[in-house]
């Protein structure tokens, strides 16, 4: 694979190649793709971090009170955090505009 700035055809790109050029997903607000968003009932939260562990986007972080919450800028609404939460703190709700 070439290391210069030349444009490659799809046949020349190596399997597993990572591109760090304009147009990568880091430039897109992927949260705009979702149709559902996580909703939290922190009264039941035990701050275990399971939601953070299972989030495939890595968009769950802790707030100043130690609760785990998804950054909706990146959250795609997959619902894995809600399925894995042992205390049912997270429910998925339909997004509204």
C-alpha atoms as a PDB file:
ATOM      1  CA  UNK A   1       0.000   0.000   0.000  1.00  0.00           C
ATOM      2  CA  UNK A   2       1.254   3.430  -0.838  1.00  0.00           C
ATOM      3  CA  UNK A   3       2.095   5.846   1.966  1.00  0.00           C
ATOM      4  CA  UNK A   4       1.844   8.989  -0.157  1.00  0.00           C
ATOM      5  CA  UNK A   5      -1.182  11.231  -0.536  1.00  0.00           C
ATOM      6  CA  UNK A   6      -2.099   9.654  -3.866  1.00  0.00           C
ATOM      7  CA  UNK A   7      -5.638   8.388  -4.338  1.00  0.00           C
ATOM      8  CA  UNK A   8      -5.991   4.604  -4.238  1.00  0.00           C
ATOM      9  CA  UNK A   9      -8.543   2.407  -5.928  1.00  0.00           C
ATOM     10  CA  UNK A  10     -10.549  -0.017  -3.801  1.00  0.00           C
ATOM     11  CA  UNK A  11      -8.361  -2.878  -5.045  1.00  0.00           C
ATOM     12  CA  UNK A  12      -5.221  -1.197  -3.701  1.00  0.00           C
ATOM     13  CA  UNK A  13      -6.521  -0.623  -0.167  1.00  0.00           C
ATOM     14  CA  UNK A  14      -5.282  -3.202   2.321  1.00  0.00           C
ATOM     15  CA  UNK A  15      -7.799  -5.114   4.445  1.00  0.00           C
ATOM     16  CA  UNK A  16      -8.125  -3.418   7.824  1.00  0.00           C
ATOM     17  CA  UNK A  17      -6.636  -0.134   6.634  1.00  0.00           C
ATOM     18  CA  UNK A  18      -7.426   2.886   8.781  1.00  0.00           C
ATOM     19  CA  UNK A  19      -7.691   6.298   7.184  1.00  0.00           C
ATOM     20  CA  UNK A  20      -7.086   9.462   9.150  1.00  0.00           C
ATOM     21  CA  UNK A  21      -8.038  11.940   6.487  1.00  0.00           C
ATOM     22  CA  UNK A  22     -11.010  14.294   6.193  1.00  0.00           C
ATOM     23  CA  UNK A  23     -14.194  12.302   5.691  1.00  0.00           C
ATOM     24  CA  UNK A  24     -13.692   9.796   8.506  1.00  0.00           C
ATOM     25  CA  UNK A  25     -16.433   9.136  11.042  1.00  0.00           C
ATOM     26  CA  UNK A  26     -14.693  11.369  13.589  1.00  0.00           C
ATOM     27  CA  UNK A  27     -16.001  14.276  11.529  1.00  0.00           C
ATOM     28  CA  UNK A  28     -19.663  13.222  11.706  1.00  0.00           C
ATOM     29  CA  UNK A  29     -22.186  13.632  14.496  1.00  0.00           C
ATOM     30  CA  UNK A  30     -23.178   9.970  14.503  1.00  0.00           C
ATOM     31  CA  UNK A  31     -25.850  10.564  17.141  1.00  0.00           C
ATOM     32  CA  UNK A  32     -27.998  12.048  14.373  1.00  0.00           C
ATOM     33  CA  UNK A  33     -28.462   8.514  13.003  1.00  0.00           C
ATOM     34  CA  UNK A  34     -30.466   7.150  15.917  1.00  0.00           C
ATOM     35  CA  UNK A  35     -34.224   6.794  16.227  1.00  0.00           C
ATOM     36  CA  UNK A  36     -34.108   5.893  19.940  1.00  0.00           C
ATOM     37  CA  UNK A  37     -32.131   7.409  22.804  1.00  0.00           C
ATOM     38  CA  UNK A  38     -31.300   6.154  26.296  1.00  0.00           C
ATOM     39  CA  UNK A  39     -33.343   7.555  29.178  1.00  0.00           C
ATOM     40  CA  UNK A  40     -32.093   7.186  32.751  1.00  0.00           C
ATOM     41  CA  UNK A  41     -33.716   6.598  36.162  1.00  0.00           C
ATOM     42  CA  UNK A  42     -30.748   7.302  38.422  1.00  0.00           C
ATOM     43  CA  UNK A  43     -32.761   6.433  41.573  1.00  0.00           C
ATOM     44  CA  UNK A  44     -32.000   2.769  40.768  1.00  0.00           C
ATOM     45  CA  UNK A  45     -28.418   3.251  39.524  1.00  0.00           C
ATOM     46  CA  UNK A  46     -25.663   1.463  41.456  1.00  0.00           C
ATOM     47  CA  UNK A  47     -22.897   3.132  39.385  1.00  0.00           C
ATOM     48  CA  UNK A  48     -21.512  -0.228  38.261  1.00  0.00           C
ATOM     49  CA  UNK A  49     -20.363   0.954  34.814  1.00  0.00           C
ATOM     50  CA  UNK A  50     -21.695  -2.077  32.943  1.00  0.00           C
ATOM     51  CA  UNK A  51     -23.311   0.289  30.411  1.00  0.00           C
ATOM     52  CA  UNK A  52     -19.933   1.877  29.718  1.00  0.00           C
ATOM     53  CA  UNK A  53     -18.257  -1.498  29.394  1.00  0.00           C
ATOM     54  CA  UNK A  54     -20.710  -2.772  26.767  1.00  0.00           C
ATOM     55  CA  UNK A  55     -21.192   0.430  24.731  1.00  0.00           C
ATOM     56  CA  UNK A  56     -19.838  -0.387  21.247  1.00  0.00           C
ATOM     57  CA  UNK A  57     -19.324   3.310  20.470  1.00  0.00           C
ATOM     58  CA  UNK A  58     -17.473   4.119  23.681  1.00  0.00           C
ATOM     59  CA  UNK A  59     -19.730   7.122  24.215  1.00  0.00           C
ATOM     60  CA  UNK A  60     -20.751   6.386  27.815  1.00  0.00           C
ATOM     61  CA  UNK A  61     -18.882   8.337  30.463  1.00  0.00           C
ATOM     62  CA  UNK A  62     -19.272   9.372  34.090  1.00  0.00           C
ATOM     63  CA  UNK A  63     -20.761  12.696  35.099  1.00  0.00           C
ATOM     64  CA  UNK A  64     -19.645  14.763  38.103  1.00  0.00           C
ATOM     65  CA  UNK A  65     -21.885  12.692  40.426  1.00  0.00           C
ATOM     66  CA  UNK A  66     -20.421   9.375  39.258  1.00  0.00           C
ATOM     67  CA  UNK A  67     -23.428   8.309  37.176  1.00  0.00           C
ATOM     68  CA  UNK A  68     -22.806   6.847  33.740  1.00  0.00           C
ATOM     69  CA  UNK A  69     -24.507   8.608  30.840  1.00  0.00           C
ATOM     70  CA  UNK A  70     -24.227   8.446  27.062  1.00  0.00           C
ATOM     71  CA  UNK A  71     -22.897  11.373  25.059  1.00  0.00           C
ATOM     72  CA  UNK A  72     -25.786  11.849  22.654  1.00  0.00           C
ATOM     73  CA  UNK A  73     -23.474  13.471  20.116  1.00  0.00           C
ATOM     74  CA  UNK A  74     -22.053   9.995  19.422  1.00  0.00           C
ATOM     75  CA  UNK A  75     -24.744   7.585  20.728  1.00  0.00           C
ATOM     76  CA  UNK A  76     -26.386   5.673  17.860  1.00  0.00           C
ATOM     77  CA  UNK A  77     -29.262   4.354  19.972  1.00  0.00           C
ATOM     78  CA  UNK A  78     -28.420   0.659  19.679  1.00  0.00           C
ATOM     79  CA  UNK A  79     -29.855  -0.092  23.144  1.00  0.00           C
ATOM     80  CA  UNK A  80     -27.059  -2.419  24.249  1.00  0.00           C
ATOM     81  CA  UNK A  81     -26.544  -0.332  27.400  1.00  0.00           C
ATOM     82  CA  UNK A  82     -30.224  -0.783  28.305  1.00  0.00           C
ATOM     83  CA  UNK A  83     -30.121  -4.546  27.683  1.00  0.00           C
ATOM     84  CA  UNK A  84     -26.986  -4.999  29.798  1.00  0.00           C
ATOM     85  CA  UNK A  85     -27.952  -2.730  32.735  1.00  0.00           C
ATOM     86  CA  UNK A  86     -28.464  -5.091  35.708  1.00  0.00           C
ATOM     87  CA  UNK A  87     -30.864  -2.751  37.549  1.00  0.00           C
ATOM     88  CA  UNK A  88     -32.966  -1.514  34.620  1.00  0.00           C
ATOM     89  CA  UNK A  89     -31.862   2.099  34.977  1.00  0.00           C
ATOM     90  CA  UNK A  90     -31.738   2.649  31.219  1.00  0.00           C
ATOM     91  CA  UNK A  91     -34.729   2.461  28.897  1.00  0.00           C
ATOM     92  CA  UNK A  92     -34.757   3.330  25.235  1.00  0.00           C
ATOM     93  CA  UNK A  93     -37.246   5.987  24.157  1.00  0.00           C
ATOM     94  CA  UNK A  94     -38.239   7.176  20.702  1.00  0.00           C
ATOM     95  CA  UNK A  95     -36.406  10.307  19.594  1.00  0.00           C
ATOM     96  CA  UNK A  96     -38.391  13.448  18.931  1.00  0.00           C
ATOM     97  CA  UNK A  97     -37.277  16.280  16.715  1.00  0.00           C
END
